[in-house]
């Protein structure tokens, strides 16, 4: 896919190529319900999930290594935010952005239970208290 952008310095248009790499990924699923689980069709943009890069192409394996998802031939899940969700009557397609131009795509059933990484929320009051009462190192 080519896009045209305007070069403001000369007033001409130049063509650039869309070089987004899409990687096949799997989200970490759970069998039982708990507070850290969300049903696939209820995922929302911004939810933090655990994703494994399972794409077998050479470029995918190289990117998995660079991103830290592959350690000594073992696939390690990465915490990543959901960017977009497409739901139809049979499946859920989840898009997650690993870095600019590197997007993971996972396809799940509607009722798959996806593990969510909890985000710690610290209020302003707790931040102020922790600043004044933090332990000093000797």
N, C-alpha and C. Protein backbone atom coordinates (compact mmCIF):
# COMPACT_ATOMS: atom_id res chain seq x y z
N UNK A 1 0.85 -1.17 0.00
CA UNK A 1 0.00 0.00 0.00
C UNK A 1 0.89 1.23 0.00
N UNK A 2 0.64 2.13 -0.91
CA UNK A 2 1.43 3.35 -0.96
C UNK A 2 0.58 4.52 -0.49
N UNK A 3 1.23 5.44 0.18
CA UNK A 3 0.56 6.66 0.62
C UNK A 3 1.30 7.83 0.00
N UNK A 4 0.58 8.88 -0.25
CA UNK A 4 1.22 10.09 -0.74
C UNK A 4 1.17 11.13 0.36
N UNK A 5 2.30 11.77 0.57
CA UNK A 5 2.35 12.85 1.55
C UNK A 5 2.90 14.09 0.86
N UNK A 6 2.52 15.22 1.36
CA UNK A 6 2.97 16.47 0.77
C UNK A 6 4.26 16.91 1.43
N UNK A 7 5.24 17.21 0.59
CA UNK A 7 6.52 17.75 1.06
C UNK A 7 6.37 19.27 1.08
N UNK A 8 6.24 19.84 2.26
CA UNK A 8 5.95 21.27 2.38
C UNK A 8 7.09 22.15 1.90
N UNK A 9 8.30 21.66 1.88
CA UNK A 9 9.43 22.50 1.48
C UNK A 9 9.41 22.80 -0.02
N UNK A 10 9.03 21.81 -0.84
CA UNK A 10 9.06 22.04 -2.29
C UNK A 10 7.67 22.07 -2.91
N UNK A 11 6.66 21.71 -2.13
CA UNK A 11 5.30 21.70 -2.66
C UNK A 11 4.99 20.50 -3.52
N UNK A 12 5.87 19.51 -3.58
CA UNK A 12 5.64 18.31 -4.39
C UNK A 12 5.18 17.17 -3.50
N UNK A 13 4.66 16.14 -4.14
CA UNK A 13 4.25 14.95 -3.41
C UNK A 13 5.30 13.87 -3.59
N UNK A 14 5.56 13.15 -2.52
CA UNK A 14 6.45 12.01 -2.64
C UNK A 14 5.72 10.78 -2.14
N UNK A 15 6.10 9.63 -2.65
CA UNK A 15 5.44 8.40 -2.25
C UNK A 15 6.25 7.71 -1.18
N UNK A 16 5.56 7.19 -0.19
CA UNK A 16 6.22 6.36 0.82
C UNK A 16 5.49 5.04 0.88
N UNK A 17 6.18 4.01 1.30
CA UNK A 17 5.57 2.69 1.39
C UNK A 17 5.16 2.42 2.83
N UNK A 18 3.98 1.85 2.99
CA UNK A 18 3.51 1.44 4.30
C UNK A 18 4.23 0.14 4.64
N UNK A 19 5.12 0.19 5.63
CA UNK A 19 5.96 -0.97 5.94
C UNK A 19 5.57 -1.63 7.26
N UNK A 20 4.30 -1.62 7.60
CA UNK A 20 3.85 -2.26 8.82
C UNK A 20 4.00 -3.78 8.69
N UNK A 21 4.59 -4.41 9.70
CA UNK A 21 4.74 -5.85 9.73
C UNK A 21 3.69 -6.40 10.69
N UNK A 22 2.87 -7.34 10.20
CA UNK A 22 1.86 -7.98 11.02
C UNK A 22 2.37 -9.35 11.44
N UNK A 23 2.35 -9.61 12.76
CA UNK A 23 2.86 -10.86 13.31
C UNK A 23 1.70 -11.68 13.87
N UNK A 24 1.74 -12.98 13.62
CA UNK A 24 0.76 -13.88 14.22
C UNK A 24 1.12 -14.05 15.69
N UNK A 25 0.17 -13.77 16.57
CA UNK A 25 0.40 -13.88 18.00
C UNK A 25 -0.69 -14.73 18.66
N UNK A 26 -0.39 -15.20 19.86
CA UNK A 26 -1.37 -15.89 20.70
C UNK A 26 -1.43 -15.18 22.03
N UNK A 27 -2.62 -14.91 22.50
CA UNK A 27 -2.77 -14.33 23.83
C UNK A 27 -2.78 -15.45 24.86
N UNK A 28 -2.28 -15.15 26.05
CA UNK A 28 -2.27 -16.14 27.13
C UNK A 28 -3.69 -16.28 27.65
N UNK A 29 -4.20 -17.51 27.61
CA UNK A 29 -5.58 -17.80 28.02
C UNK A 29 -5.59 -18.51 29.36
N UNK A 30 -6.73 -18.43 30.06
CA UNK A 30 -6.92 -19.11 31.34
C UNK A 30 -8.19 -19.94 31.27
N UNK A 31 -8.24 -21.00 32.08
CA UNK A 31 -9.41 -21.87 32.09
C UNK A 31 -10.47 -21.45 33.11
N UNK A 32 -10.05 -20.87 34.22
CA UNK A 32 -11.01 -20.52 35.28
C UNK A 32 -11.17 -19.01 35.39
N UNK A 33 -12.29 -18.61 35.93
CA UNK A 33 -12.55 -17.17 36.08
C UNK A 33 -11.90 -16.64 37.35
N UNK A 34 -11.29 -15.49 37.24
CA UNK A 34 -10.76 -14.77 38.40
C UNK A 34 -10.78 -13.29 38.05
N UNK A 35 -10.29 -12.45 38.94
CA UNK A 35 -10.32 -11.01 38.68
C UNK A 35 -9.37 -10.60 37.57
N UNK A 36 -8.42 -11.46 37.19
CA UNK A 36 -7.44 -11.13 36.16
C UNK A 36 -7.80 -11.69 34.80
N UNK A 37 -9.05 -12.07 34.61
CA UNK A 37 -9.50 -12.70 33.37
C UNK A 37 -10.61 -11.87 32.73
N UNK A 38 -10.56 -11.76 31.39
CA UNK A 38 -11.63 -11.08 30.65
C UNK A 38 -12.05 -12.00 29.51
N UNK A 39 -13.36 -12.11 29.28
CA UNK A 39 -13.88 -12.88 28.15
C UNK A 39 -13.47 -12.14 26.87
N UNK A 40 -13.00 -12.87 25.86
CA UNK A 40 -12.42 -12.28 24.66
C UNK A 40 -13.28 -11.19 24.03
N UNK A 41 -14.58 -11.41 23.91
CA UNK A 41 -15.43 -10.42 23.25
C UNK A 41 -15.65 -9.16 24.09
N UNK A 42 -15.18 -9.17 25.36
CA UNK A 42 -15.31 -7.99 26.22
C UNK A 42 -13.99 -7.22 26.37
N UNK A 43 -12.95 -7.63 25.64
CA UNK A 43 -11.69 -6.89 25.68
C UNK A 43 -11.92 -5.47 25.18
N UNK A 44 -11.12 -4.54 25.70
CA UNK A 44 -11.23 -3.14 25.31
C UNK A 44 -9.86 -2.60 24.93
N UNK A 45 -9.87 -1.56 24.13
CA UNK A 45 -8.64 -0.88 23.78
C UNK A 45 -7.95 -0.43 25.06
N UNK A 46 -6.65 -0.70 25.17
CA UNK A 46 -5.90 -0.31 26.34
C UNK A 46 -5.73 -1.42 27.36
N UNK A 47 -6.52 -2.50 27.28
CA UNK A 47 -6.32 -3.63 28.19
C UNK A 47 -4.92 -4.18 27.98
N UNK A 48 -4.25 -4.49 29.07
CA UNK A 48 -2.90 -5.03 29.01
C UNK A 48 -2.99 -6.55 29.06
N UNK A 49 -2.53 -7.21 28.00
CA UNK A 49 -2.60 -8.67 27.88
C UNK A 49 -1.20 -9.24 27.71
N UNK A 50 -1.10 -10.55 27.83
CA UNK A 50 0.17 -11.24 27.57
C UNK A 50 0.08 -11.90 26.21
N UNK A 51 1.04 -11.58 25.32
CA UNK A 51 1.02 -12.11 23.97
C UNK A 51 2.33 -12.80 23.64
N UNK A 52 2.22 -13.94 22.94
CA UNK A 52 3.39 -14.68 22.44
C UNK A 52 3.43 -14.52 20.93
N UNK A 53 4.61 -14.25 20.40
CA UNK A 53 4.78 -14.19 18.95
C UNK A 53 4.99 -15.63 18.46
N UNK A 54 4.02 -16.17 17.72
CA UNK A 54 4.08 -17.55 17.25
C UNK A 54 4.29 -17.64 15.74
N UNK A 55 4.42 -16.52 15.10
CA UNK A 55 4.66 -16.44 13.66
C UNK A 55 5.99 -17.12 13.34
N UNK A 56 6.02 -18.00 12.36
CA UNK A 56 7.23 -18.77 12.05
C UNK A 56 8.07 -18.17 10.92
N UNK A 57 7.66 -17.06 10.36
CA UNK A 57 8.47 -16.44 9.31
C UNK A 57 9.79 -15.93 9.88
N UNK A 58 10.82 -15.86 9.07
CA UNK A 58 12.14 -15.41 9.51
C UNK A 58 12.09 -14.01 10.12
N UNK A 59 11.39 -13.09 9.46
CA UNK A 59 11.30 -11.72 9.96
C UNK A 59 10.61 -11.69 11.32
N UNK A 60 9.61 -12.53 11.50
CA UNK A 60 8.89 -12.59 12.77
C UNK A 60 9.80 -13.11 13.88
N UNK A 61 10.59 -14.13 13.58
CA UNK A 61 11.51 -14.68 14.58
C UNK A 61 12.58 -13.66 14.95
N UNK A 62 13.06 -12.92 13.96
CA UNK A 62 14.05 -11.87 14.20
C UNK A 62 13.46 -10.77 15.09
N UNK A 63 12.26 -10.32 14.77
CA UNK A 63 11.61 -9.28 15.57
C UNK A 63 11.29 -9.78 16.98
N UNK A 64 10.88 -11.04 17.10
CA UNK A 64 10.61 -11.61 18.43
C UNK A 64 11.87 -11.57 19.29
N UNK A 65 12.99 -11.89 18.68
CA UNK A 65 14.27 -11.84 19.41
C UNK A 65 14.59 -10.40 19.83
N UNK A 66 14.42 -9.45 18.92
CA UNK A 66 14.71 -8.04 19.23
C UNK A 66 13.78 -7.48 20.31
N UNK A 67 12.52 -7.91 20.28
CA UNK A 67 11.54 -7.41 21.25
C UNK A 67 11.64 -8.10 22.61
N UNK A 68 12.43 -9.17 22.70
CA UNK A 68 12.59 -9.88 23.96
C UNK A 68 11.58 -10.98 24.17
N UNK A 69 10.89 -11.39 23.10
CA UNK A 69 9.89 -12.43 23.21
C UNK A 69 10.46 -13.82 22.95
N UNK A 70 11.72 -13.87 22.55
CA UNK A 70 12.35 -15.16 22.29
C UNK A 70 13.68 -15.19 23.01
N UNK A 71 13.80 -16.11 23.95
CA UNK A 71 15.02 -16.28 24.73
C UNK A 71 15.51 -17.71 24.56
N UNK A 72 16.65 -17.88 23.91
CA UNK A 72 17.24 -19.20 23.70
C UNK A 72 16.23 -20.19 23.15
N UNK A 73 15.61 -19.85 22.05
CA UNK A 73 14.64 -20.70 21.35
C UNK A 73 13.33 -20.91 22.11
N UNK A 74 13.14 -20.26 23.25
CA UNK A 74 11.91 -20.39 24.01
C UNK A 74 11.08 -19.11 23.81
N UNK A 75 9.78 -19.28 23.58
CA UNK A 75 8.88 -18.14 23.39
C UNK A 75 8.43 -17.63 24.76
N UNK A 76 8.60 -16.35 24.99
CA UNK A 76 8.24 -15.71 26.25
C UNK A 76 7.13 -14.70 25.97
N UNK A 77 6.03 -14.74 26.72
CA UNK A 77 4.96 -13.76 26.47
C UNK A 77 5.38 -12.35 26.92
N UNK A 78 4.93 -11.37 26.18
CA UNK A 78 5.18 -9.96 26.50
C UNK A 78 3.88 -9.28 26.91
N UNK A 79 3.96 -8.38 27.87
CA UNK A 79 2.79 -7.58 28.24
C UNK A 79 2.65 -6.48 27.20
N UNK A 80 1.46 -6.39 26.63
CA UNK A 80 1.23 -5.44 25.54
C UNK A 80 -0.22 -4.96 25.58
N UNK A 81 -0.43 -3.72 25.20
CA UNK A 81 -1.77 -3.15 25.24
C UNK A 81 -2.55 -3.49 23.98
N UNK A 82 -3.83 -3.79 24.16
CA UNK A 82 -4.73 -4.03 23.04
C UNK A 82 -4.96 -2.69 22.34
N UNK A 83 -4.83 -2.69 21.02
CA UNK A 83 -5.01 -1.45 20.26
C UNK A 83 -6.37 -1.40 19.56
N UNK A 84 -6.82 -2.55 19.06
CA UNK A 84 -8.07 -2.60 18.30
C UNK A 84 -8.68 -3.99 18.44
N UNK A 85 -10.00 -4.06 18.46
CA UNK A 85 -10.71 -5.33 18.57
C UNK A 85 -11.77 -5.37 17.49
N UNK A 86 -11.84 -6.49 16.76
CA UNK A 86 -12.91 -6.71 15.79
C UNK A 86 -13.67 -7.96 16.23
N UNK A 87 -14.97 -7.82 16.45
CA UNK A 87 -15.79 -8.94 16.91
C UNK A 87 -16.84 -9.23 15.85
N UNK A 88 -16.94 -10.52 15.45
CA UNK A 88 -18.06 -10.93 14.60
C UNK A 88 -18.80 -12.06 15.30
N UNK A 89 -19.68 -12.75 14.60
CA UNK A 89 -20.50 -13.77 15.25
C UNK A 89 -19.74 -15.02 15.66
N UNK A 90 -18.52 -15.23 15.15
CA UNK A 90 -17.77 -16.44 15.46
C UNK A 90 -16.43 -16.22 16.15
N UNK A 91 -15.82 -15.05 15.96
CA UNK A 91 -14.46 -14.86 16.47
C UNK A 91 -14.19 -13.42 16.89
N UNK A 92 -13.06 -13.28 17.60
CA UNK A 92 -12.57 -11.97 18.02
C UNK A 92 -11.15 -11.83 17.46
N UNK A 93 -10.93 -10.73 16.75
CA UNK A 93 -9.60 -10.45 16.21
C UNK A 93 -9.02 -9.31 17.04
N UNK A 94 -7.86 -9.56 17.67
CA UNK A 94 -7.25 -8.59 18.57
C UNK A 94 -5.94 -8.09 17.95
N UNK A 95 -5.81 -6.77 17.84
CA UNK A 95 -4.60 -6.14 17.33
C UNK A 95 -3.85 -5.49 18.50
N UNK A 96 -2.55 -5.76 18.58
CA UNK A 96 -1.70 -5.16 19.62
C UNK A 96 -0.46 -4.60 18.96
N UNK A 97 -0.03 -3.41 19.37
CA UNK A 97 1.13 -2.77 18.76
C UNK A 97 2.35 -3.00 19.65
N UNK A 98 3.33 -3.74 19.11
CA UNK A 98 4.58 -4.00 19.82
C UNK A 98 5.50 -2.79 19.75
N UNK A 99 5.53 -2.14 18.61
CA UNK A 99 6.34 -0.94 18.38
C UNK A 99 5.79 -0.29 17.11
N UNK A 100 6.23 0.91 16.79
CA UNK A 100 5.74 1.51 15.56
C UNK A 100 6.00 0.57 14.37
N UNK A 101 4.96 0.30 13.62
CA UNK A 101 5.02 -0.55 12.43
C UNK A 101 5.18 -2.04 12.70
N UNK A 102 5.02 -2.49 13.96
CA UNK A 102 5.03 -3.92 14.28
C UNK A 102 3.77 -4.21 15.08
N UNK A 103 2.83 -4.93 14.43
CA UNK A 103 1.51 -5.17 15.01
C UNK A 103 1.27 -6.68 15.13
N UNK A 104 0.80 -7.10 16.29
CA UNK A 104 0.45 -8.49 16.51
C UNK A 104 -1.04 -8.69 16.29
N UNK A 105 -1.40 -9.82 15.68
CA UNK A 105 -2.81 -10.15 15.46
C UNK A 105 -3.08 -11.52 16.08
N UNK A 106 -4.08 -11.56 16.95
CA UNK A 106 -4.51 -12.81 17.58
C UNK A 106 -5.97 -13.04 17.23
N UNK A 107 -6.32 -14.29 16.92
CA UNK A 107 -7.71 -14.63 16.64
C UNK A 107 -8.18 -15.58 17.73
N UNK A 108 -9.28 -15.22 18.39
CA UNK A 108 -9.81 -15.98 19.51
C UNK A 108 -11.27 -16.32 19.27
N UNK A 109 -11.77 -17.32 20.01
CA UNK A 109 -13.21 -17.57 19.99
C UNK A 109 -13.87 -16.52 20.89
N UNK A 110 -15.16 -16.34 20.75
CA UNK A 110 -15.88 -15.33 21.52
C UNK A 110 -15.77 -15.54 23.02
N UNK A 111 -15.72 -16.78 23.47
CA UNK A 111 -15.74 -17.08 24.90
C UNK A 111 -14.37 -17.42 25.50
N UNK A 112 -13.30 -17.29 24.74
CA UNK A 112 -11.97 -17.52 25.31
C UNK A 112 -11.75 -16.57 26.49
N UNK A 113 -11.09 -17.08 27.51
CA UNK A 113 -10.82 -16.28 28.71
C UNK A 113 -9.37 -15.81 28.66
N UNK A 114 -9.18 -14.51 28.53
CA UNK A 114 -7.86 -13.92 28.32
C UNK A 114 -7.31 -13.39 29.64
N UNK A 115 -6.05 -13.71 29.91
CA UNK A 115 -5.41 -13.20 31.12
C UNK A 115 -5.07 -11.72 30.92
N UNK A 116 -5.44 -10.92 31.91
CA UNK A 116 -5.17 -9.48 31.89
C UNK A 116 -4.09 -9.18 32.92
N UNK A 117 -3.15 -8.33 32.54
CA UNK A 117 -2.11 -7.90 33.47
C UNK A 117 -2.67 -6.72 34.25
N UNK A 118 -2.64 -6.83 35.59
CA UNK A 118 -3.18 -5.75 36.42
C UNK A 118 -2.25 -4.55 36.37
N UNK A 119 -2.88 -3.39 36.29
CA UNK A 119 -2.13 -2.14 36.36
C UNK A 119 -2.30 -1.60 37.77
N UNK A 120 -1.20 -1.29 38.42
CA UNK A 120 -1.31 -0.71 39.75
C UNK A 120 -1.65 0.76 39.62
N UNK A 121 -2.70 1.14 40.29
CA UNK A 121 -3.09 2.54 40.28
C UNK A 121 -2.73 3.15 41.63
N UNK A 122 -1.92 4.16 41.58
CA UNK A 122 -1.53 4.84 42.80
C UNK A 122 -2.11 6.25 42.74
N UNK A 123 -2.88 6.59 43.74
CA UNK A 123 -3.47 7.91 43.80
C UNK A 123 -2.45 8.96 44.21
N UNK A 124 -2.82 10.21 44.04
CA UNK A 124 -1.93 11.32 44.36
C UNK A 124 -1.54 11.30 45.83
N UNK A 125 -2.49 11.01 46.72
CA UNK A 125 -2.21 10.99 48.15
C UNK A 125 -1.15 9.94 48.48
N UNK A 126 -1.28 8.71 47.89
CA UNK A 126 -0.31 7.64 48.13
C UNK A 126 1.07 8.02 47.60
N UNK A 127 1.11 8.71 46.46
CA UNK A 127 2.40 9.15 45.90
C UNK A 127 3.09 10.14 46.82
N UNK A 128 2.31 11.08 47.38
CA UNK A 128 2.88 12.09 48.28
C UNK A 128 3.40 11.42 49.55
N UNK A 129 2.59 10.51 50.12
CA UNK A 129 3.03 9.79 51.33
C UNK A 129 4.29 8.97 51.06
N UNK A 130 4.32 8.28 49.94
CA UNK A 130 5.50 7.45 49.65
C UNK A 130 6.74 8.31 49.45
N UNK A 131 6.57 9.53 48.96
CA UNK A 131 7.72 10.42 48.79
C UNK A 131 8.31 10.81 50.15
N UNK A 132 7.45 11.15 51.11
CA UNK A 132 7.93 11.60 52.41
C UNK A 132 8.34 10.48 53.34
N UNK A 133 7.76 9.30 53.17
CA UNK A 133 8.03 8.20 54.10
C UNK A 133 8.78 7.04 53.47
N UNK A 134 9.45 7.28 52.34
CA UNK A 134 10.21 6.20 51.72
C UNK A 134 11.42 5.88 52.58
N UNK A 135 11.84 4.64 52.48
CA UNK A 135 12.99 4.19 53.27
C UNK A 135 14.26 4.77 52.68
N UNK A 136 15.10 5.28 53.56
CA UNK A 136 16.38 5.82 53.13
C UNK A 136 17.43 4.74 53.20
N UNK A 137 18.26 4.66 52.15
CA UNK A 137 19.33 3.65 52.18
C UNK A 137 20.53 4.20 52.92
N UNK A 138 21.20 3.32 53.67
CA UNK A 138 22.35 3.74 54.46
C UNK A 138 23.61 3.71 53.66
